[in-house]
């Protein structure tokens, strides 16, 4: 994770939700042969709220980058 690209002072809940989702999959894949998969095994992807956060924060960072580069 590139924490330096997080705009907010605190880690956004939607990013934490995605990290939990990814970590659950990592654990599942690491023990694929012995793990019984059910609804309690996996943590759901945060969905559109995560994608919206990524789009908005990326656009904000790009705008700031353009502003900084143009002020040189």
PDB file of N, CA and C in Angstrom:
ATOM      1  N   UNK A   1       0.851  -1.179   0.000  1.00  0.00           N
ATOM      2  CA  UNK A   1       0.000   0.000   0.000  1.00  0.00           C
ATOM      3  C   UNK A   1       0.885   1.227   0.000  1.00  0.00           C
ATOM      4  N   UNK A   2       0.490   2.215  -0.731  1.00  0.00           N
ATOM      5  CA  UNK A   2       1.221   3.477  -0.806  1.00  0.00           C
ATOM      6  C   UNK A   2       0.546   4.498   0.085  1.00  0.00           C
ATOM      7  N   UNK A   3       0.805   4.388   1.388  1.00  0.00           N
ATOM      8  CA  UNK A   3       0.198   5.283   2.358  1.00  0.00           C
ATOM      9  C   UNK A   3       0.518   6.745   2.110  1.00  0.00           C
ATOM     10  N   UNK A   4       1.630   7.013   1.434  1.00  0.00           N
ATOM     11  CA  UNK A   4       1.987   8.401   1.150  1.00  0.00           C
ATOM     12  C   UNK A   4       1.037   9.041   0.140  1.00  0.00           C
ATOM     13  N   UNK A   5       0.212   8.237  -0.517  1.00  0.00           N
ATOM     14  CA  UNK A   5      -0.742   8.775  -1.483  1.00  0.00           C
ATOM     15  C   UNK A   5      -2.127   8.998  -0.874  1.00  0.00           C
ATOM     16  N   UNK A   6      -2.267   8.723   0.411  1.00  0.00           N
ATOM     17  CA  UNK A   6      -3.529   8.981   1.099  1.00  0.00           C
ATOM     18  C   UNK A   6      -3.589  10.468   1.419  1.00  0.00           C
ATOM     19  N   UNK A   7      -4.643  11.125   0.986  1.00  0.00           N
ATOM     20  CA  UNK A   7      -4.776  12.569   1.147  1.00  0.00           C
ATOM     21  C   UNK A   7      -5.163  12.934   2.575  1.00  0.00           C
ATOM     22  N   UNK A   8      -6.054  12.156   3.148  1.00  0.00           N
ATOM     23  CA  UNK A   8      -6.585  12.464   4.476  1.00  0.00           C
ATOM     24  C   UNK A   8      -5.535  12.257   5.567  1.00  0.00           C
ATOM     25  N   UNK A   9      -5.800  12.847   6.731  1.00  0.00           N
ATOM     26  CA  UNK A   9      -4.890  12.685   7.874  1.00  0.00           C
ATOM     27  C   UNK A   9      -4.979  11.265   8.435  1.00  0.00           C
ATOM     28  N   UNK A  10      -6.142  10.672   8.361  1.00  0.00           N
ATOM     29  CA  UNK A  10      -6.379   9.313   8.859  1.00  0.00           C
ATOM     30  C   UNK A  10      -6.709   8.405   7.679  1.00  0.00           C
ATOM     31  N   UNK A  11      -6.442   7.128   7.839  1.00  0.00           N
ATOM     32  CA  UNK A  11      -6.757   6.168   6.785  1.00  0.00           C
ATOM     33  C   UNK A  11      -8.277   6.091   6.623  1.00  0.00           C
ATOM     34  N   UNK A  12      -8.793   6.330   5.413  1.00  0.00           N
ATOM     35  CA  UNK A  12     -10.237   6.273   5.190  1.00  0.00           C
ATOM     36  C   UNK A  12     -10.786   4.857   5.448  1.00  0.00           C
ATOM     37  N   UNK A  13     -11.975   4.792   6.014  1.00  0.00           N
ATOM     38  CA  UNK A  13     -12.596   3.503   6.338  1.00  0.00           C
ATOM     39  C   UNK A  13     -12.717   2.612   5.105  1.00  0.00           C
ATOM     40  N   UNK A  14     -13.023   3.201   3.958  1.00  0.00           N
ATOM     41  CA  UNK A  14     -13.192   2.406   2.745  1.00  0.00           C
ATOM     42  C   UNK A  14     -11.863   1.749   2.329  1.00  0.00           C
ATOM     43  N   UNK A  15     -10.748   2.405   2.590  1.00  0.00           N
ATOM     44  CA  UNK A  15      -9.437   1.822   2.284  1.00  0.00           C
ATOM     45  C   UNK A  15      -9.135   0.682   3.268  1.00  0.00           C
ATOM     46  N   UNK A  16      -9.476   0.887   4.531  1.00  0.00           N
ATOM     47  CA  UNK A  16      -9.301  -0.193   5.514  1.00  0.00           C
ATOM     48  C   UNK A  16     -10.157  -1.402   5.157  1.00  0.00           C
ATOM     49  N   UNK A  17     -11.377  -1.143   4.683  1.00  0.00           N
ATOM     50  CA  UNK A  17     -12.253  -2.240   4.261  1.00  0.00           C
ATOM     51  C   UNK A  17     -11.635  -3.014   3.108  1.00  0.00           C
ATOM     52  N   UNK A  18     -11.057  -2.293   2.149  1.00  0.00           N
ATOM     53  CA  UNK A  18     -10.414  -2.972   1.025  1.00  0.00           C
ATOM     54  C   UNK A  18      -9.199  -3.777   1.487  1.00  0.00           C
ATOM     55  N   UNK A  19      -8.404  -3.217   2.401  1.00  0.00           N
ATOM     56  CA  UNK A  19      -7.226  -3.930   2.913  1.00  0.00           C
ATOM     57  C   UNK A  19      -7.636  -5.220   3.632  1.00  0.00           C
ATOM     58  N   UNK A  20      -8.728  -5.162   4.395  1.00  0.00           N
ATOM     59  CA  UNK A  20      -9.231  -6.357   5.069  1.00  0.00           C
ATOM     60  C   UNK A  20      -9.677  -7.391   4.049  1.00  0.00           C
ATOM     61  N   UNK A  21     -10.343  -6.948   3.002  1.00  0.00           N
ATOM     62  CA  UNK A  21     -10.782  -7.834   1.920  1.00  0.00           C
ATOM     63  C   UNK A  21      -9.571  -8.520   1.272  1.00  0.00           C
ATOM     64  N   UNK A  22      -8.554  -7.736   0.928  1.00  0.00           N
ATOM     65  CA  UNK A  22      -7.358  -8.282   0.277  1.00  0.00           C
ATOM     66  C   UNK A  22      -6.612  -9.236   1.203  1.00  0.00           C
ATOM     67  N   UNK A  23      -6.514  -8.902   2.480  1.00  0.00           N
ATOM     68  CA  UNK A  23      -5.818  -9.769   3.435  1.00  0.00           C
ATOM     69  C   UNK A  23      -6.544 -11.095   3.606  1.00  0.00           C
ATOM     70  N   UNK A  24      -7.872 -11.065   3.601  1.00  0.00           N
ATOM     71  CA  UNK A  24      -8.645 -12.306   3.703  1.00  0.00           C
ATOM     72  C   UNK A  24      -8.369 -13.206   2.502  1.00  0.00           C
ATOM     73  N   UNK A  25      -8.296 -12.616   1.314  1.00  0.00           N
ATOM     74  CA  UNK A  25      -7.975 -13.407   0.126  1.00  0.00           C
ATOM     75  C   UNK A  25      -6.550 -13.945   0.177  1.00  0.00           C
ATOM     76  N   UNK A  26      -5.608 -13.143   0.646  1.00  0.00           N
ATOM     77  CA  UNK A  26      -4.226 -13.616   0.783  1.00  0.00           C
ATOM     78  C   UNK A  26      -4.156 -14.838   1.689  1.00  0.00           C
ATOM     79  N   UNK A  27      -4.846 -14.760   2.828  1.00  0.00           N
ATOM     80  CA  UNK A  27      -4.852 -15.884   3.765  1.00  0.00           C
ATOM     81  C   UNK A  27      -5.523 -17.106   3.147  1.00  0.00           C
ATOM     82  N   UNK A  28      -6.605 -16.881   2.439  1.00  0.00           N
ATOM     83  CA  UNK A  28      -7.312 -17.985   1.791  1.00  0.00           C
ATOM     84  C   UNK A  28      -6.431 -18.653   0.741  1.00  0.00           C
ATOM     85  N   UNK A  29      -5.784 -17.868  -0.083  1.00  0.00           N
ATOM     86  CA  UNK A  29      -4.933 -18.425  -1.134  1.00  0.00           C
ATOM     87  C   UNK A  29      -3.708 -19.138  -0.571  1.00  0.00           C
ATOM     88  N   UNK A  30      -3.188 -18.649   0.539  1.00  0.00           N
ATOM     89  CA  UNK A  30      -2.008 -19.269   1.150  1.00  0.00           C
ATOM     90  C   UNK A  30      -2.325 -20.666   1.680  1.00  0.00           C
ATOM     91  N   UNK A  31      -3.578 -20.895   2.056  1.00  0.00           N
ATOM     92  CA  UNK A  31      -3.965 -22.174   2.644  1.00  0.00           C
ATOM     93  C   UNK A  31      -5.119 -22.806   1.859  1.00  0.00           C
ATOM     94  N   UNK A  32      -5.087 -22.625   0.554  1.00  0.00           N
ATOM     95  CA  UNK A  32      -6.178 -23.020  -0.328  1.00  0.00           C
ATOM     96  C   UNK A  32      -6.601 -24.486  -0.160  1.00  0.00           C
ATOM     97  N   UNK A  33      -5.648 -25.396  -0.038  1.00  0.00           N
ATOM     98  CA  UNK A  33      -5.961 -26.831  -0.001  1.00  0.00           C
ATOM     99  C   UNK A  33      -6.658 -27.273   1.289  1.00  0.00           C
ATOM    100  N   UNK A  34      -6.475 -26.539   2.375  1.00  0.00           N
ATOM    101  CA  UNK A  34      -7.043 -26.990   3.646  1.00  0.00           C
ATOM    102  C   UNK A  34      -8.152 -26.089   4.180  1.00  0.00           C
ATOM    103  N   UNK A  35      -8.412 -24.967   3.497  1.00  0.00           N
ATOM    104  CA  UNK A  35      -9.419 -24.037   3.986  1.00  0.00           C
ATOM    105  C   UNK A  35     -10.780 -24.354   3.378  1.00  0.00           C
ATOM    106  N   UNK A  36     -11.776 -24.394   4.217  1.00  0.00           N
ATOM    107  CA  UNK A  36     -13.145 -24.562   3.756  1.00  0.00           C
ATOM    108  C   UNK A  36     -13.738 -23.173   3.585  1.00  0.00           C
ATOM    109  N   UNK A  37     -14.094 -22.833   2.358  1.00  0.00           N
ATOM    110  CA  UNK A  37     -14.582 -21.486   2.053  1.00  0.00           C
ATOM    111  C   UNK A  37     -16.082 -21.419   2.310  1.00  0.00           C
ATOM    112  N   UNK A  38     -16.481 -20.420   3.077  1.00  0.00           N
ATOM    113  CA  UNK A  38     -17.893 -20.134   3.282  1.00  0.00           C
ATOM    114  C   UNK A  38     -18.054 -18.624   3.430  1.00  0.00           C
ATOM    115  N   UNK A  39     -19.261 -18.174   3.653  1.00  0.00           N
ATOM    116  CA  UNK A  39     -19.501 -16.723   3.719  1.00  0.00           C
ATOM    117  C   UNK A  39     -18.735 -16.040   4.841  1.00  0.00           C
ATOM    118  N   UNK A  40     -18.429 -16.757   5.916  1.00  0.00           N
ATOM    119  CA  UNK A  40     -17.704 -16.125   7.017  1.00  0.00           C
ATOM    120  C   UNK A  40     -16.197 -16.076   6.768  1.00  0.00           C
ATOM    121  N   UNK A  41     -15.713 -16.813   5.769  1.00  0.00           N
ATOM    122  CA  UNK A  41     -14.287 -16.838   5.456  1.00  0.00           C
ATOM    123  C   UNK A  41     -13.842 -15.543   4.785  1.00  0.00           C
ATOM    124  N   UNK A  42     -14.688 -15.008   3.939  1.00  0.00           N
ATOM    125  CA  UNK A  42     -14.305 -13.866   3.114  1.00  0.00           C
ATOM    126  C   UNK A  42     -14.879 -12.564   3.647  1.00  0.00           C
ATOM    127  N   UNK A  43     -14.144 -11.503   3.422  1.00  0.00           N
ATOM    128  CA  UNK A  43     -14.602 -10.153   3.746  1.00  0.00           C
ATOM    129  C   UNK A  43     -14.951  -9.498   2.421  1.00  0.00           C
ATOM    130  N   UNK A  44     -16.155  -9.005   2.326  1.00  0.00           N
ATOM    131  CA  UNK A  44     -16.640  -8.462   1.054  1.00  0.00           C
ATOM    132  C   UNK A  44     -15.829  -7.246   0.603  1.00  0.00           C
ATOM    133  N   UNK A  45     -15.685  -7.133  -0.698  1.00  0.00           N
ATOM    134  CA  UNK A  45     -15.072  -5.962  -1.319  1.00  0.00           C
ATOM    135  C   UNK A  45     -15.978  -4.768  -1.047  1.00  0.00           C
ATOM    136  N   UNK A  46     -15.402  -3.594  -0.732  1.00  0.00           N
ATOM    137  CA  UNK A  46     -16.239  -2.435  -0.428  1.00  0.00           C
ATOM    138  C   UNK A  46     -17.033  -1.906  -1.628  1.00  0.00           C
ATOM    139  N   UNK A  47     -16.754  -2.402  -2.806  1.00  0.00           N
ATOM    140  CA  UNK A  47     -17.567  -2.067  -3.969  1.00  0.00           C
ATOM    141  C   UNK A  47     -17.352  -0.674  -4.524  1.00  0.00           C
ATOM    142  N   UNK A  48     -18.456  -0.095  -4.991  1.00  0.00           N
ATOM    143  CA  UNK A  48     -18.399   1.178  -5.698  1.00  0.00           C
ATOM    144  C   UNK A  48     -17.856   2.306  -4.829  1.00  0.00           C
ATOM    145  N   UNK A  49     -18.049   2.232  -3.517  1.00  0.00           N
ATOM    146  CA  UNK A  49     -17.530   3.300  -2.653  1.00  0.00           C
ATOM    147  C   UNK A  49     -16.006   3.344  -2.705  1.00  0.00           C
ATOM    148  N   UNK A  50     -15.363   2.185  -2.820  1.00  0.00           N
ATOM    149  CA  UNK A  50     -13.909   2.140  -2.936  1.00  0.00           C
ATOM    150  C   UNK A  50     -13.464   2.693  -4.291  1.00  0.00           C
ATOM    151  N   UNK A  51     -14.146   2.283  -5.335  1.00  0.00           N
ATOM    152  CA  UNK A  51     -13.793   2.766  -6.678  1.00  0.00           C
ATOM    153  C   UNK A  51     -14.001   4.277  -6.790  1.00  0.00           C
ATOM    154  N   UNK A  52     -15.078   4.777  -6.201  1.00  0.00           N
ATOM    155  CA  UNK A  52     -15.324   6.230  -6.208  1.00  0.00           C
ATOM    156  C   UNK A  52     -14.229   6.968  -5.448  1.00  0.00           C
ATOM    157  N   UNK A  53     -13.841   6.426  -4.287  1.00  0.00           N
ATOM    158  CA  UNK A  53     -12.766   7.043  -3.512  1.00  0.00           C
ATOM    159  C   UNK A  53     -11.478   7.107  -4.338  1.00  0.00           C
ATOM    160  N   UNK A  54     -11.144   6.005  -5.009  1.00  0.00           N
ATOM    161  CA  UNK A  54      -9.920   5.978  -5.816  1.00  0.00           C
ATOM    162  C   UNK A  54      -9.959   7.015  -6.924  1.00  0.00           C
ATOM    163  N   UNK A  55     -11.078   7.092  -7.634  1.00  0.00           N
ATOM    164  CA  UNK A  55     -11.189   8.052  -8.736  1.00  0.00           C
ATOM    165  C   UNK A  55     -11.060   9.491  -8.231  1.00  0.00           C
ATOM    166  N   UNK A  56     -11.775   9.803  -7.154  1.00  0.00           N
ATOM    167  CA  UNK A  56     -11.768  11.168  -6.630  1.00  0.00           C
ATOM    168  C   UNK A  56     -10.408  11.561  -6.065  1.00  0.00           C
ATOM    169  N   UNK A  57      -9.788  10.674  -5.315  1.00  0.00           N
ATOM    170  CA  UNK A  57      -8.498  11.026  -4.718  1.00  0.00           C
ATOM    171  C   UNK A  57      -7.405  11.094  -5.785  1.00  0.00           C
ATOM    172  N   UNK A  58      -7.478  10.229  -6.804  1.00  0.00           N
ATOM    173  CA  UNK A  58      -6.499  10.283  -7.888  1.00  0.00           C
ATOM    174  C   UNK A  58      -6.632  11.609  -8.642  1.00  0.00           C
ATOM    175  N   UNK A  59      -7.861  12.000  -8.945  1.00  0.00           N
ATOM    176  CA  UNK A  59      -8.078  13.265  -9.650  1.00  0.00           C
ATOM    177  C   UNK A  59      -7.554  14.439  -8.826  1.00  0.00           C
ATOM    178  N   UNK A  60      -7.774  14.394  -7.537  1.00  0.00           N
ATOM    179  CA  UNK A  60      -7.296  15.463  -6.657  1.00  0.00           C
ATOM    180  C   UNK A  60      -5.771  15.517  -6.628  1.00  0.00           C
ATOM    181  N   UNK A  61      -5.142  14.373  -6.527  1.00  0.00           N
ATOM    182  CA  UNK A  61      -3.672  14.336  -6.516  1.00  0.00           C
ATOM    183  C   UNK A  61      -3.088  14.800  -7.850  1.00  0.00           C
ATOM    184  N   UNK A  62      -3.717  14.412  -8.964  1.00  0.00           N
ATOM    185  CA  UNK A  62      -3.228  14.844 -10.280  1.00  0.00           C
ATOM    186  C   UNK A  62      -3.370  16.357 -10.432  1.00  0.00           C
ATOM    187  N   UNK A  63      -4.476  16.912  -9.952  1.00  0.00           N
ATOM    188  CA  UNK A  63      -4.669  18.369 -10.026  1.00  0.00           C
ATOM    189  C   UNK A  63      -3.606  19.086  -9.206  1.00  0.00           C
ATOM    190  N   UNK A  64      -3.311  18.573  -8.026  1.00  0.00           N
ATOM    191  CA  UNK A  64      -2.274  19.183  -7.191  1.00  0.00           C
ATOM    192  C   UNK A  64      -0.910  19.068  -7.859  1.00  0.00           C
ATOM    193  N   UNK A  65      -0.639  17.916  -8.462  1.00  0.00           N
ATOM    194  CA  UNK A  65       0.625  17.723  -9.166  1.00  0.00           C
ATOM    195  C   UNK A  65       0.764  18.727 -10.321  1.00  0.00           C
ATOM    196  N   UNK A  66      -0.288  18.885 -11.105  1.00  0.00           N
ATOM    197  CA  UNK A  66      -0.254  19.832 -12.226  1.00  0.00           C
ATOM    198  C   UNK A  66      -0.008  21.258 -11.740  1.00  0.00           C
ATOM    199  N   UNK A  67      -0.648  21.601 -10.633  1.00  0.00           N
ATOM    200  CA  UNK A  67      -0.479  22.939 -10.076  1.00  0.00           C
ATOM    201  C   UNK A  67       0.979  23.148  -9.617  1.00  0.00           C
ATOM    202  N   UNK A  68       1.522  22.154  -8.946  1.00  0.00           N
ATOM    203  CA  UNK A  68       2.907  22.262  -8.486  1.00  0.00           C
ATOM    204  C   UNK A  68       3.894  22.329  -9.645  1.00  0.00           C
ATOM    205  N   UNK A  69       3.661  21.536 -10.672  1.00  0.00           N
ATOM    206  CA  UNK A  69       4.559  21.544 -11.841  1.00  0.00           C
ATOM    207  C   UNK A  69       4.462  22.851 -12.633  1.00  0.00           C
ATOM    208  N   UNK A  70       3.279  23.430 -12.671  1.00  0.00           N
ATOM    209  CA  UNK A  70       3.113  24.678 -13.452  1.00  0.00           C
ATOM    210  C   UNK A  70       3.672  25.892 -12.696  1.00  0.00           C
ATOM    211  N   UNK A  71       3.877  25.784 -11.410  1.00  0.00           N
ATOM    212  CA  UNK A  71       4.397  26.913 -10.636  1.00  0.00           C
ATOM    213  C   UNK A  71       5.919  26.969 -10.624  1.00  0.00           C
ATOM    214  N   UNK A  72       6.565  26.043 -11.300  1.00  0.00           N
ATOM    215  CA  UNK A  72       8.029  26.045 -11.345  1.00  0.00           C
ATOM    216  C   UNK A  72       8.561  27.135 -12.208  1.00  0.00           C
TER     217      UNK A  72
END
